[in-house]
Amino acid sequence: MAKIIKIKKGLNINLKGAADKIVVNNLNISEYAVKPTDYIGVRPKMLVAEGDVVKAGTPLFFNKNNESVIFTSPVSGTVKAIRRGEKRVIQEVVIAISGEMQYEDFGSADPLQLSKQDIIDKMVKSGAWTLLRQRPFATIADPATEPKAIFISGFDTAPLAPDYDLLMQGKEKAFQIGLDALSKLTKGQVHLSMNPKMNFSGIYVNAKNVTLHQFEGKRPAGNVGVQISHIDPINKGDIVWVVNPQDVATIGTLFAEGVYRPEKTIALCGSSVRKPQ
């Protein structure tokens, strides 16, 4: 078992309205939006127009600051609106769902049998590359660079944060394949941090091609930046990448099934929510 790193300073902020350990799937959502404003340093150049029919994985726009970074549709349907703000800056691209979900086929493959460039190409083409963040500055990772390490925080100590034991249930296979892919993107290590209080279902403790760490303590023990500072600090000129555990599973699904399915479970909670879940 990994050595326990104790965070002695910190504070747990006890807010009302924590989410019950219930996952609700029957949400009636008819529209989704991809918002370039959610990403630091992205200047979108559109590849579609209003009225175009798209599949999940169809390119919507690319980043003019780094044309190799492509954003794709998370769902299939019709481009309902391209909304702009001041100086015609694109605020969001709205996709209206129609019929059964259709996916672009990127081809399934075992990442351990692929070259680093093949993995990068598949992730870039599908849009999955946008799930990787580069530190410092938390921008989208540059495919032309190589990080000295990749970090994954497997738990969250923020107020009202969801339980990652619950979030990751059923994603064991996809998570491992995602780790396999990430391990080919750096000559350094892929670091996965967990909390000793988690109900170890095996998804973390049995993970391969990853270095495990345990962090104990109050917030910000679950913060990936704090974990980086204790495991392998960023020095001048260093680049590291970080990725969310659910996004690791999305990357794994891309290689296992050949489709881009960016699913994520979130907690709708707080003191004003009647049924936090």
C-alpha atoms as a PDB file:
ATOM      1  CA  MET A   1       0.000   0.000   0.000  1.00  0.00           C
ATOM      2  CA  ALA A   2       1.176   3.521  -0.783  1.00  0.00           C
ATOM      3  CA  LYS A   3       2.671   5.662   1.950  1.00  0.00           C
ATOM      4  CA  ILE A   4       0.206   8.048   3.610  1.00  0.00           C
ATOM      5  CA  ILE A   5       1.000  11.745   3.209  1.00  0.00           C
ATOM      6  CA  LYS A   6      -0.655  13.769   5.970  1.00  0.00           C
ATOM      7  CA  ILE A   7      -1.783  17.340   5.331  1.00  0.00           C
ATOM      8  CA  LYS A   8      -1.583  18.936   8.777  1.00  0.00           C
ATOM      9  CA  LYS A   9      -2.975  22.355   7.906  1.00  0.00           C
ATOM     10  CA  GLY A  10      -6.363  22.952   6.389  1.00  0.00           C
ATOM     11  CA  LEU A  11     -10.045  23.380   7.124  1.00  0.00           C
ATOM     12  CA  ASN A  12     -13.162  21.342   6.406  1.00  0.00           C
ATOM     13  CA  ILE A  13     -16.025  23.732   5.624  1.00  0.00           C
ATOM     14  CA  ASN A  14     -19.209  22.007   6.764  1.00  0.00           C
ATOM     15  CA  LEU A  15     -22.024  23.297   4.562  1.00  0.00           C
ATOM     16  CA  LYS A  16     -25.595  22.018   4.602  1.00  0.00           C
ATOM     17  CA  GLY A  17     -27.096  20.137   1.711  1.00  0.00           C
ATOM     18  CA  ALA A  18     -24.599  17.367   0.960  1.00  0.00           C
ATOM     19  CA  ALA A  19     -25.723  15.093  -1.862  1.00  0.00           C
ATOM     20  CA  ASP A  20     -27.297  11.741  -0.997  1.00  0.00           C
ATOM     21  CA  LYS A  21     -25.502   8.752  -2.484  1.00  0.00           C
ATOM     22  CA  ILE A  22     -28.089   8.403  -5.217  1.00  0.00           C
ATOM     23  CA  VAL A  23     -27.377   8.711  -8.933  1.00  0.00           C
ATOM     24  CA  VAL A  24     -30.295   9.930 -11.052  1.00  0.00           C
ATOM     25  CA  ASN A  25     -30.114   9.123 -14.769  1.00  0.00           C
ATOM     26  CA  ASN A  26     -33.604   9.929 -16.047  1.00  0.00           C
ATOM     27  CA  LEU A  27     -32.919  13.579 -16.835  1.00  0.00           C
ATOM     28  CA  ASN A  28     -34.930  14.969 -19.745  1.00  0.00           C
ATOM     29  CA  ILE A  29     -32.306  17.143 -21.425  1.00  0.00           C
ATOM     30  CA  SER A  30     -32.954  18.289 -24.993  1.00  0.00           C
ATOM     31  CA  GLU A  31     -30.069  20.727 -25.500  1.00  0.00           C
ATOM     32  CA  TYR A  32     -26.357  20.755 -24.711  1.00  0.00           C
ATOM     33  CA  ALA A  33     -23.854  23.579 -25.109  1.00  0.00           C
ATOM     34  CA  VAL A  34     -20.093  23.658 -25.606  1.00  0.00           C
ATOM     35  CA  LYS A  35     -18.739  26.904 -24.167  1.00  0.00           C
ATOM     36  CA  PRO A  36     -15.290  28.114 -25.304  1.00  0.00           C
ATOM     37  CA  THR A  37     -15.358  30.546 -22.378  1.00  0.00           C
ATOM     38  CA  ASP A  38     -14.968  27.573 -20.002  1.00  0.00           C
ATOM     39  CA  TYR A  39     -11.404  27.096 -21.279  1.00  0.00           C
ATOM     40  CA  ILE A  40      -8.448  29.386 -20.588  1.00  0.00           C
ATOM     41  CA  GLY A  41      -6.784  30.854 -23.660  1.00  0.00           C
ATOM     42  CA  VAL A  42      -9.152  29.390 -26.279  1.00  0.00           C
ATOM     43  CA  ARG A  43     -10.039  31.485 -29.371  1.00  0.00           C
ATOM     44  CA  PRO A  44     -12.552  29.387 -31.333  1.00  0.00           C
ATOM     45  CA  LYS A  45     -12.688  29.083 -35.117  1.00  0.00           C
ATOM     46  CA  MET A  46     -15.972  27.513 -36.170  1.00  0.00           C
ATOM     47  CA  LEU A  47     -16.105  24.370 -38.300  1.00  0.00           C
ATOM     48  CA  VAL A  48     -19.928  24.123 -38.364  1.00  0.00           C
ATOM     49  CA  ALA A  49     -22.852  26.456 -38.949  1.00  0.00           C
ATOM     50  CA  GLU A  50     -26.339  26.698 -37.495  1.00  0.00           C
ATOM     51  CA  GLY A  51     -28.527  23.939 -38.898  1.00  0.00           C
ATOM     52  CA  ASP A  52     -25.696  21.456 -39.437  1.00  0.00           C
ATOM     53  CA  VAL A  53     -26.330  17.869 -38.335  1.00  0.00           C
ATOM     54  CA  VAL A  54     -23.607  16.452 -36.086  1.00  0.00           C
ATOM     55  CA  LYS A  55     -22.754  13.231 -34.320  1.00  0.00           C
ATOM     56  CA  ALA A  56     -21.082  12.843 -30.946  1.00  0.00           C
ATOM     57  CA  GLY A  57     -17.439  13.437 -31.844  1.00  0.00           C
ATOM     58  CA  THR A  58     -18.060  15.698 -34.865  1.00  0.00           C
ATOM     59  CA  PRO A  59     -15.659  18.716 -34.809  1.00  0.00           C
ATOM     60  CA  LEU A  60     -17.365  21.986 -33.840  1.00  0.00           C
ATOM     61  CA  PHE A  61     -14.419  24.385 -33.671  1.00  0.00           C
ATOM     62  CA  PHE A  62     -10.690  24.521 -33.091  1.00  0.00           C
ATOM     63  CA  ASN A  63      -8.491  26.803 -31.018  1.00  0.00           C
ATOM     64  CA  LYS A  64      -6.893  29.517 -33.161  1.00  0.00           C
ATOM     65  CA  ASN A  65      -4.130  29.819 -30.549  1.00  0.00           C
ATOM     66  CA  ASN A  66      -3.293  26.133 -31.067  1.00  0.00           C
ATOM     67  CA  GLU A  67      -4.948  24.687 -34.155  1.00  0.00           C
ATOM     68  CA  SER A  68      -4.186  21.114 -33.113  1.00  0.00           C
ATOM     69  CA  VAL A  69      -6.737  21.392 -30.262  1.00  0.00           C
ATOM     70  CA  ILE A  70     -10.171  20.438 -31.599  1.00  0.00           C
ATOM     71  CA  PHE A  71     -13.496  20.637 -29.765  1.00  0.00           C
ATOM     72  CA  THR A  72     -16.140  18.116 -30.785  1.00  0.00           C
ATOM     73  CA  SER A  73     -19.835  17.688 -30.098  1.00  0.00           C
ATOM     74  CA  PRO A  74     -20.659  15.733 -26.916  1.00  0.00           C
ATOM     75  CA  VAL A  75     -23.987  14.567 -28.396  1.00  0.00           C
ATOM     76  CA  SER A  76     -25.652  13.992 -31.755  1.00  0.00           C
ATOM     77  CA  GLY A  77     -28.271  16.306 -33.161  1.00  0.00           C
ATOM     78  CA  THR A  78     -28.491  19.681 -34.877  1.00  0.00           C
ATOM     79  CA  VAL A  79     -26.489  22.841 -34.267  1.00  0.00           C
ATOM     80  CA  LYS A  80     -29.309  25.016 -32.967  1.00  0.00           C
ATOM     81  CA  ALA A  81     -27.390  28.195 -32.185  1.00  0.00           C
ATOM     82  CA  ILE A  82     -23.936  29.749 -32.214  1.00  0.00           C
ATOM     83  CA  ARG A  83     -24.236  32.504 -29.637  1.00  0.00           C
ATOM     84  CA  ARG A  84     -21.853  35.435 -29.611  1.00  0.00           C
ATOM     85  CA  GLY A  85     -21.094  38.172 -27.112  1.00  0.00           C
ATOM     86  CA  GLU A  86     -19.272  41.480 -27.365  1.00  0.00           C
ATOM     87  CA  LYS A  87     -17.073  41.885 -30.458  1.00  0.00           C
ATOM     88  CA  ARG A  88     -18.761  38.724 -31.808  1.00  0.00           C
ATOM     89  CA  VAL A  89     -16.788  36.505 -29.445  1.00  0.00           C
ATOM     90  CA  ILE A  90     -18.346  33.023 -29.464  1.00  0.00           C
ATOM     91  CA  GLN A  91     -19.957  32.280 -26.104  1.00  0.00           C
ATOM     92  CA  GLU A  92     -21.484  28.873 -26.772  1.00  0.00           C
ATOM     93  CA  VAL A  93     -22.446  26.358 -29.434  1.00  0.00           C
ATOM     94  CA  VAL A  94     -25.852  24.810 -28.699  1.00  0.00           C
ATOM     95  CA  ILE A  95     -26.688  21.296 -29.912  1.00  0.00           C
ATOM     96  CA  ALA A  96     -30.338  20.156 -29.948  1.00  0.00           C
ATOM     97  CA  ILE A  97     -30.622  16.386 -29.546  1.00  0.00           C
ATOM     98  CA  SER A  98     -32.634  14.524 -32.152  1.00  0.00           C
ATOM     99  CA  GLY A  99     -33.389  10.795 -32.201  1.00  0.00           C
ATOM    100  CA  GLU A 100     -31.083   8.033 -31.024  1.00  0.00           C
ATOM    101  CA  MET A 101     -27.522   8.992 -30.143  1.00  0.00           C
ATOM    102  CA  GLN A 102     -25.119   8.633 -33.071  1.00  0.00           C
ATOM    103  CA  TYR A 103     -21.337   8.523 -32.717  1.00  0.00           C
ATOM    104  CA  GLU A 104     -18.373   9.206 -34.964  1.00  0.00           C
ATOM    105  CA  ASP A 105     -16.315   6.009 -35.192  1.00  0.00           C
ATOM    106  CA  PHE A 106     -12.691   6.586 -34.200  1.00  0.00           C
ATOM    107  CA  GLY A 107     -11.887   2.879 -34.019  1.00  0.00           C
ATOM    108  CA  SER A 108     -11.178   0.825 -30.912  1.00  0.00           C
ATOM    109  CA  ALA A 109      -7.585  -0.040 -30.020  1.00  0.00           C
ATOM    110  CA  ASP A 110      -5.411  -1.182 -27.145  1.00  0.00           C
ATOM    111  CA  PRO A 111      -3.373   1.911 -26.189  1.00  0.00           C
ATOM    112  CA  LEU A 112      -0.529  -0.276 -24.941  1.00  0.00           C
ATOM    113  CA  GLN A 113      -0.101  -1.501 -28.523  1.00  0.00           C
ATOM    114  CA  LEU A 114      -0.103   2.010 -30.015  1.00  0.00           C
ATOM    115  CA  SER A 115       2.671   4.541 -30.343  1.00  0.00           C
ATOM    116  CA  LYS A 116       2.578   7.778 -28.383  1.00  0.00           C
ATOM    117  CA  GLN A 117       1.760   9.723 -31.565  1.00  0.00           C
ATOM    118  CA  ASP A 118      -1.095   7.359 -32.456  1.00  0.00           C
ATOM    119  CA  ILE A 119      -2.623   7.951 -29.023  1.00  0.00           C
ATOM    120  CA  ILE A 120      -2.252  11.717 -29.360  1.00  0.00           C
ATOM    121  CA  ASP A 121      -3.803  11.680 -32.842  1.00  0.00           C
ATOM    122  CA  LYS A 122      -6.836   9.660 -31.698  1.00  0.00           C
ATOM    123  CA  MET A 123      -7.426  11.877 -28.664  1.00  0.00           C
ATOM    124  CA  VAL A 124      -7.015  15.099 -30.669  1.00  0.00           C
ATOM    125  CA  LYS A 125      -9.291  13.977 -33.514  1.00  0.00           C
ATOM    126  CA  SER A 126     -12.046  12.830 -31.142  1.00  0.00           C
ATOM    127  CA  GLY A 127     -11.945  15.909 -28.906  1.00  0.00           C
ATOM    128  CA  ALA A 128     -10.834  13.912 -25.853  1.00  0.00           C
ATOM    129  CA  TRP A 129      -7.570  15.857 -25.760  1.00  0.00           C
ATOM    130  CA  THR A 130      -9.427  18.850 -24.293  1.00  0.00           C
ATOM    131  CA  LEU A 131      -9.855  16.845 -21.065  1.00  0.00           C
ATOM    132  CA  LEU A 132      -6.154  17.263 -20.223  1.00  0.00           C
ATOM    133  CA  ARG A 133      -4.980  20.340 -18.308  1.00  0.00           C
ATOM    134  CA  GLN A 134      -1.451  21.686 -18.250  1.00  0.00           C
ATOM    135  CA  ARG A 135       0.185  23.139 -15.150  1.00  0.00           C
ATOM    136  CA  PRO A 136       1.103  25.857 -14.553  1.00  0.00           C
ATOM    137  CA  PHE A 137      -1.874  28.002 -15.648  1.00  0.00           C
ATOM    138  CA  ALA A 138      -4.471  25.184 -16.105  1.00  0.00           C
ATOM    139  CA  THR A 139      -4.666  25.628 -19.890  1.00  0.00           C
ATOM    140  CA  ILE A 140      -5.512  22.747 -22.221  1.00  0.00           C
ATOM    141  CA  ALA A 141      -2.420  20.569 -22.608  1.00  0.00           C
ATOM    142  CA  ASP A 142      -0.309  21.223 -25.701  1.00  0.00           C
ATOM    143  CA  PRO A 143      -0.030  18.022 -27.817  1.00  0.00           C
ATOM    144  CA  ALA A 144       3.403  19.175 -28.993  1.00  0.00           C
ATOM    145  CA  THR A 145       4.874  19.055 -25.475  1.00  0.00           C
ATOM    146  CA  GLU A 146       5.638  16.214 -23.085  1.00  0.00           C
ATOM    147  CA  PRO A 147       4.937  16.552 -19.356  1.00  0.00           C
ATOM    148  CA  LYS A 148       7.396  15.370 -16.756  1.00  0.00           C
ATOM    149  CA  ALA A 149       4.455  13.647 -15.029  1.00  0.00           C
ATOM    150  CA  ILE A 150       0.654  13.310 -15.072  1.00  0.00           C
ATOM    151  CA  PHE A 151      -1.430  13.706 -11.910  1.00  0.00           C
ATOM    152  CA  ILE A 152      -4.903  12.426 -11.017  1.00  0.00           C
ATOM    153  CA  SER A 153      -6.636  13.314  -7.745  1.00  0.00           C
ATOM    154  CA  GLY A 154      -8.991  10.429  -7.032  1.00  0.00           C
ATOM    155  CA  PHE A 155     -10.994  12.271  -4.379  1.00  0.00           C
ATOM    156  CA  ASP A 156     -12.261  15.752  -3.548  1.00  0.00           C
ATOM    157  CA  THR A 157     -12.234  17.522  -0.171  1.00  0.00           C
ATOM    158  CA  ALA A 158     -14.097  20.639  -1.348  1.00  0.00           C
ATOM    159  CA  PRO A 159     -17.326  21.552   0.488  1.00  0.00           C
ATOM    160  CA  LEU A 160     -20.273  19.463  -0.776  1.00  0.00           C
ATOM    161  CA  ALA A 161     -17.989  17.526  -3.113  1.00  0.00           C
ATOM    162  CA  PRO A 162     -19.394  14.236  -4.437  1.00  0.00           C
ATOM    163  CA  ASP A 163     -18.197  10.811  -3.298  1.00  0.00           C
ATOM    164  CA  TYR A 164     -15.783   9.466  -5.911  1.00  0.00           C
ATOM    165  CA  ASP A 165     -16.377   5.898  -4.732  1.00  0.00           C
ATOM    166  CA  LEU A 166     -19.910   6.411  -6.031  1.00  0.00           C
ATOM    167  CA  LEU A 167     -18.956   8.355  -9.161  1.00  0.00           C
ATOM    168  CA  MET A 168     -16.513   5.719 -10.401  1.00  0.00           C
ATOM    169  CA  GLN A 169     -18.710   2.645  -9.890  1.00  0.00           C
ATOM    170  CA  GLY A 170     -18.956   0.620 -13.082  1.00  0.00           C
ATOM    171  CA  LYS A 171     -16.084   2.481 -14.743  1.00  0.00           C
ATOM    172  CA  GLU A 172     -13.286   0.154 -13.669  1.00  0.00           C
ATOM    173  CA  LYS A 173     -12.414  -1.178 -17.125  1.00  0.00           C
ATOM    174  CA  ALA A 174     -12.594   2.187 -18.887  1.00  0.00           C
ATOM    175  CA  PHE A 175     -10.551   3.808 -16.104  1.00  0.00           C
ATOM    176  CA  GLN A 176      -7.742   1.270 -16.466  1.00  0.00           C
ATOM    177  CA  ILE A 177      -7.638   1.650 -20.248  1.00  0.00           C
ATOM    178  CA  GLY A 178      -7.494   5.411 -19.772  1.00  0.00           C
ATOM    179  CA  LEU A 179      -4.523   4.985 -17.435  1.00  0.00           C
ATOM    180  CA  ASP A 180      -2.835   2.780 -20.040  1.00  0.00           C
ATOM    181  CA  ALA A 181      -3.224   5.549 -22.627  1.00  0.00           C
ATOM    182  CA  LEU A 182      -1.924   8.259 -20.298  1.00  0.00           C
ATOM    183  CA  SER A 183       1.109   6.169 -19.373  1.00  0.00           C
ATOM    184  CA  LYS A 184       2.265   6.339 -23.011  1.00  0.00           C
ATOM    185  CA  LEU A 185       2.137  10.164 -23.063  1.00  0.00           C
ATOM    186  CA  THR A 186       4.993  10.786 -20.612  1.00  0.00           C
ATOM    187  CA  LYS A 187       8.400   9.330 -19.872  1.00  0.00           C
ATOM    188  CA  GLY A 188       7.697  10.173 -16.243  1.00  0.00           C
ATOM    189  CA  GLN A 189       5.062   8.681 -13.969  1.00  0.00           C
ATOM    190  CA  VAL A 190       1.284   8.840 -13.830  1.00  0.00           C
ATOM    191  CA  HIS A 191       0.419   9.652 -10.201  1.00  0.00           C
ATOM    192  CA  LEU A 192      -2.951   8.679  -8.695  1.00  0.00           C
ATOM    193  CA  SER A 193      -3.857  10.014  -5.249  1.00  0.00           C
ATOM    194  CA  MET A 194      -6.567   8.599  -3.017  1.00  0.00           C
ATOM    195  CA  ASN A 195      -7.855   8.979   0.529  1.00  0.00           C
ATOM    196  CA  PRO A 196      -7.434   6.240   3.167  1.00  0.00           C
ATOM    197  CA  LYS A 197     -11.089   6.696   4.163  1.00  0.00           C
ATOM    198  CA  MET A 198     -12.372   5.690   0.731  1.00  0.00           C
ATOM    199  CA  ASN A 199     -14.140   2.356   0.376  1.00  0.00           C
ATOM    200  CA  PHE A 200     -11.490   0.749  -1.768  1.00  0.00           C
ATOM    201  CA  SER A 201     -13.581  -0.968  -4.424  1.00  0.00           C
ATOM    202  CA  GLY A 202     -10.453  -1.969  -6.287  1.00  0.00           C
ATOM    203  CA  ILE A 203     -10.646   0.627  -9.040  1.00  0.00           C
ATOM    204  CA  TYR A 204      -7.718   2.544  -7.526  1.00  0.00           C
ATOM    205  CA  VAL A 205      -5.788   0.032  -5.458  1.00  0.00           C
ATOM    206  CA  ASN A 206      -5.703  -2.504  -8.298  1.00  0.00           C
ATOM    207  CA  ALA A 207      -4.846   0.040 -10.976  1.00  0.00           C
ATOM    208  CA  LYS A 208      -1.820  -0.664 -13.173  1.00  0.00           C
ATOM    209  CA  ASN A 209       0.613   1.626 -14.996  1.00  0.00           C
ATOM    210  CA  VAL A 210       0.201   4.194 -12.256  1.00  0.00           C
ATOM    211  CA  THR A 211       1.950   5.230  -9.027  1.00  0.00           C
ATOM    212  CA  LEU A 212      -0.408   5.293  -6.043  1.00  0.00           C
ATOM    213  CA  HIS A 213      -0.338   7.830  -3.206  1.00  0.00           C
ATOM    214  CA  GLN A 214      -2.553   8.316  -0.157  1.00  0.00           C
ATOM    215  CA  PHE A 215      -3.380  11.748   1.243  1.00  0.00           C
ATOM    216  CA  GLU A 216      -4.953  12.244   4.644  1.00  0.00           C
ATOM    217  CA  GLY A 217      -6.213  15.462   6.192  1.00  0.00           C
ATOM    218  CA  LYS A 218      -8.635  18.328   5.810  1.00  0.00           C
ATOM    219  CA  ARG A 219      -9.138  20.429   2.718  1.00  0.00           C
ATOM    220  CA  PRO A 220      -7.065  21.019   0.592  1.00  0.00           C
ATOM    221  CA  ALA A 221      -5.786  17.419   0.820  1.00  0.00           C
ATOM    222  CA  GLY A 222      -7.835  16.525  -2.265  1.00  0.00           C
ATOM    223  CA  ASN A 223      -6.528  19.457  -4.305  1.00  0.00           C
ATOM    224  CA  VAL A 224      -4.329  18.209  -7.135  1.00  0.00           C
ATOM    225  CA  GLY A 225      -2.028  21.231  -6.828  1.00  0.00           C
ATOM    226  CA  VAL A 226      -1.299  20.397  -3.197  1.00  0.00           C
ATOM    227  CA  GLN A 227      -0.677  16.790  -4.162  1.00  0.00           C
ATOM    228  CA  ILE A 228       1.774  17.852  -6.884  1.00  0.00           C
ATOM    229  CA  SER A 229       3.723  19.950  -4.366  1.00  0.00           C
ATOM    230  CA  HIS A 230       4.177  16.911  -2.107  1.00  0.00           C
ATOM    231  CA  ILE A 231       4.856  14.298  -4.799  1.00  0.00           C
ATOM    232  CA  ASP A 232       6.888  16.015  -7.520  1.00  0.00           C
ATOM    233  CA  PRO A 233       6.903  19.831  -7.287  1.00  0.00           C
ATOM    234  CA  ILE A 234       6.889  21.978 -10.415  1.00  0.00           C
ATOM    235  CA  ASN A 235      10.194  23.768 -10.900  1.00  0.00           C
ATOM    236  CA  LYS A 236      11.053  26.507 -13.374  1.00  0.00           C
ATOM    237  CA  GLY A 237      10.522  25.244 -16.914  1.00  0.00           C
ATOM    238  CA  ASP A 238       8.590  22.132 -15.818  1.00  0.00           C
ATOM    239  CA  ILE A 239       5.268  21.095 -17.321  1.00  0.00           C
ATOM    240  CA  VAL A 240       2.863  18.601 -15.763  1.00  0.00           C
ATOM    241  CA  TRP A 241      -0.614  17.539 -16.822  1.00  0.00           C
ATOM    242  CA  VAL A 242      -3.643  16.887 -14.624  1.00  0.00           C
ATOM    243  CA  VAL A 243      -6.866  15.021 -15.399  1.00  0.00           C
ATOM    244  CA  ASN A 244     -10.083  14.200 -13.537  1.00  0.00           C
ATOM    245  CA  PRO A 245     -10.801  10.493 -12.777  1.00  0.00           C
ATOM    246  CA  GLN A 246     -14.104  10.595 -14.681  1.00  0.00           C
ATOM    247  CA  ASP A 247     -12.282  12.047 -17.681  1.00  0.00           C
ATOM    248  CA  VAL A 248      -9.748   9.205 -17.468  1.00  0.00           C
ATOM    249  CA  ALA A 249     -12.702   6.833 -17.910  1.00  0.00           C
ATOM    250  CA  THR A 250     -13.902   8.882 -20.906  1.00  0.00           C
ATOM    251  CA  ILE A 251     -10.465   8.504 -22.494  1.00  0.00           C
ATOM    252  CA  GLY A 252     -10.618   4.771 -21.771  1.00  0.00           C
ATOM    253  CA  THR A 253     -14.033   4.503 -23.443  1.00  0.00           C
ATOM    254  CA  LEU A 254     -12.593   6.173 -26.546  1.00  0.00           C
ATOM    255  CA  PHE A 255      -9.997   3.411 -26.919  1.00  0.00           C
ATOM    256  CA  ALA A 256     -12.251   0.556 -25.780  1.00  0.00           C
ATOM    257  CA  GLU A 257     -15.280   1.416 -27.940  1.00  0.00           C
ATOM    258  CA  GLY A 258     -13.934   3.883 -30.492  1.00  0.00           C
ATOM    259  CA  VAL A 259     -16.449   6.586 -29.530  1.00  0.00           C
ATOM    260  CA  TYR A 260     -16.241   9.912 -27.703  1.00  0.00           C
ATOM    261  CA  ARG A 261     -18.758   9.798 -24.860  1.00  0.00           C
ATOM    262  CA  PRO A 262     -17.886  12.596 -22.397  1.00  0.00           C
ATOM    263  CA  GLU A 263     -20.212  11.558 -19.585  1.00  0.00           C
ATOM    264  CA  LYS A 264     -19.806  13.053 -16.146  1.00  0.00           C
ATOM    265  CA  THR A 265     -21.786  12.675 -12.921  1.00  0.00           C
ATOM    266  CA  ILE A 266     -22.137  15.882 -10.904  1.00  0.00           C
ATOM    267  CA  ALA A 267     -23.595  16.705  -7.486  1.00  0.00           C
ATOM    268  CA  LEU A 268     -26.606  18.991  -7.429  1.00  0.00           C
ATOM    269  CA  CYS A 269     -26.555  20.067  -3.798  1.00  0.00           C
ATOM    270  CA  GLY A 270     -26.570  22.875  -1.264  1.00  0.00           C
ATOM    271  CA  SER A 271     -28.896  24.214   1.409  1.00  0.00           C
ATOM    272  CA  SER A 272     -31.413  25.536  -1.184  1.00  0.00           C
ATOM    273  CA  VAL A 273     -31.775  22.192  -2.994  1.00  0.00           C
ATOM    274  CA  ARG A 274     -34.760  20.125  -1.842  1.00  0.00           C
ATOM    275  CA  LYS A 275     -33.306  16.731  -2.744  1.00  0.00           C
ATOM    276  CA  PRO A 276     -29.495  16.968  -2.957  1.00  0.00           C
ATOM    277  CA  GLN A 277     -28.296  14.066  -5.086  1.00  0.00           C
END
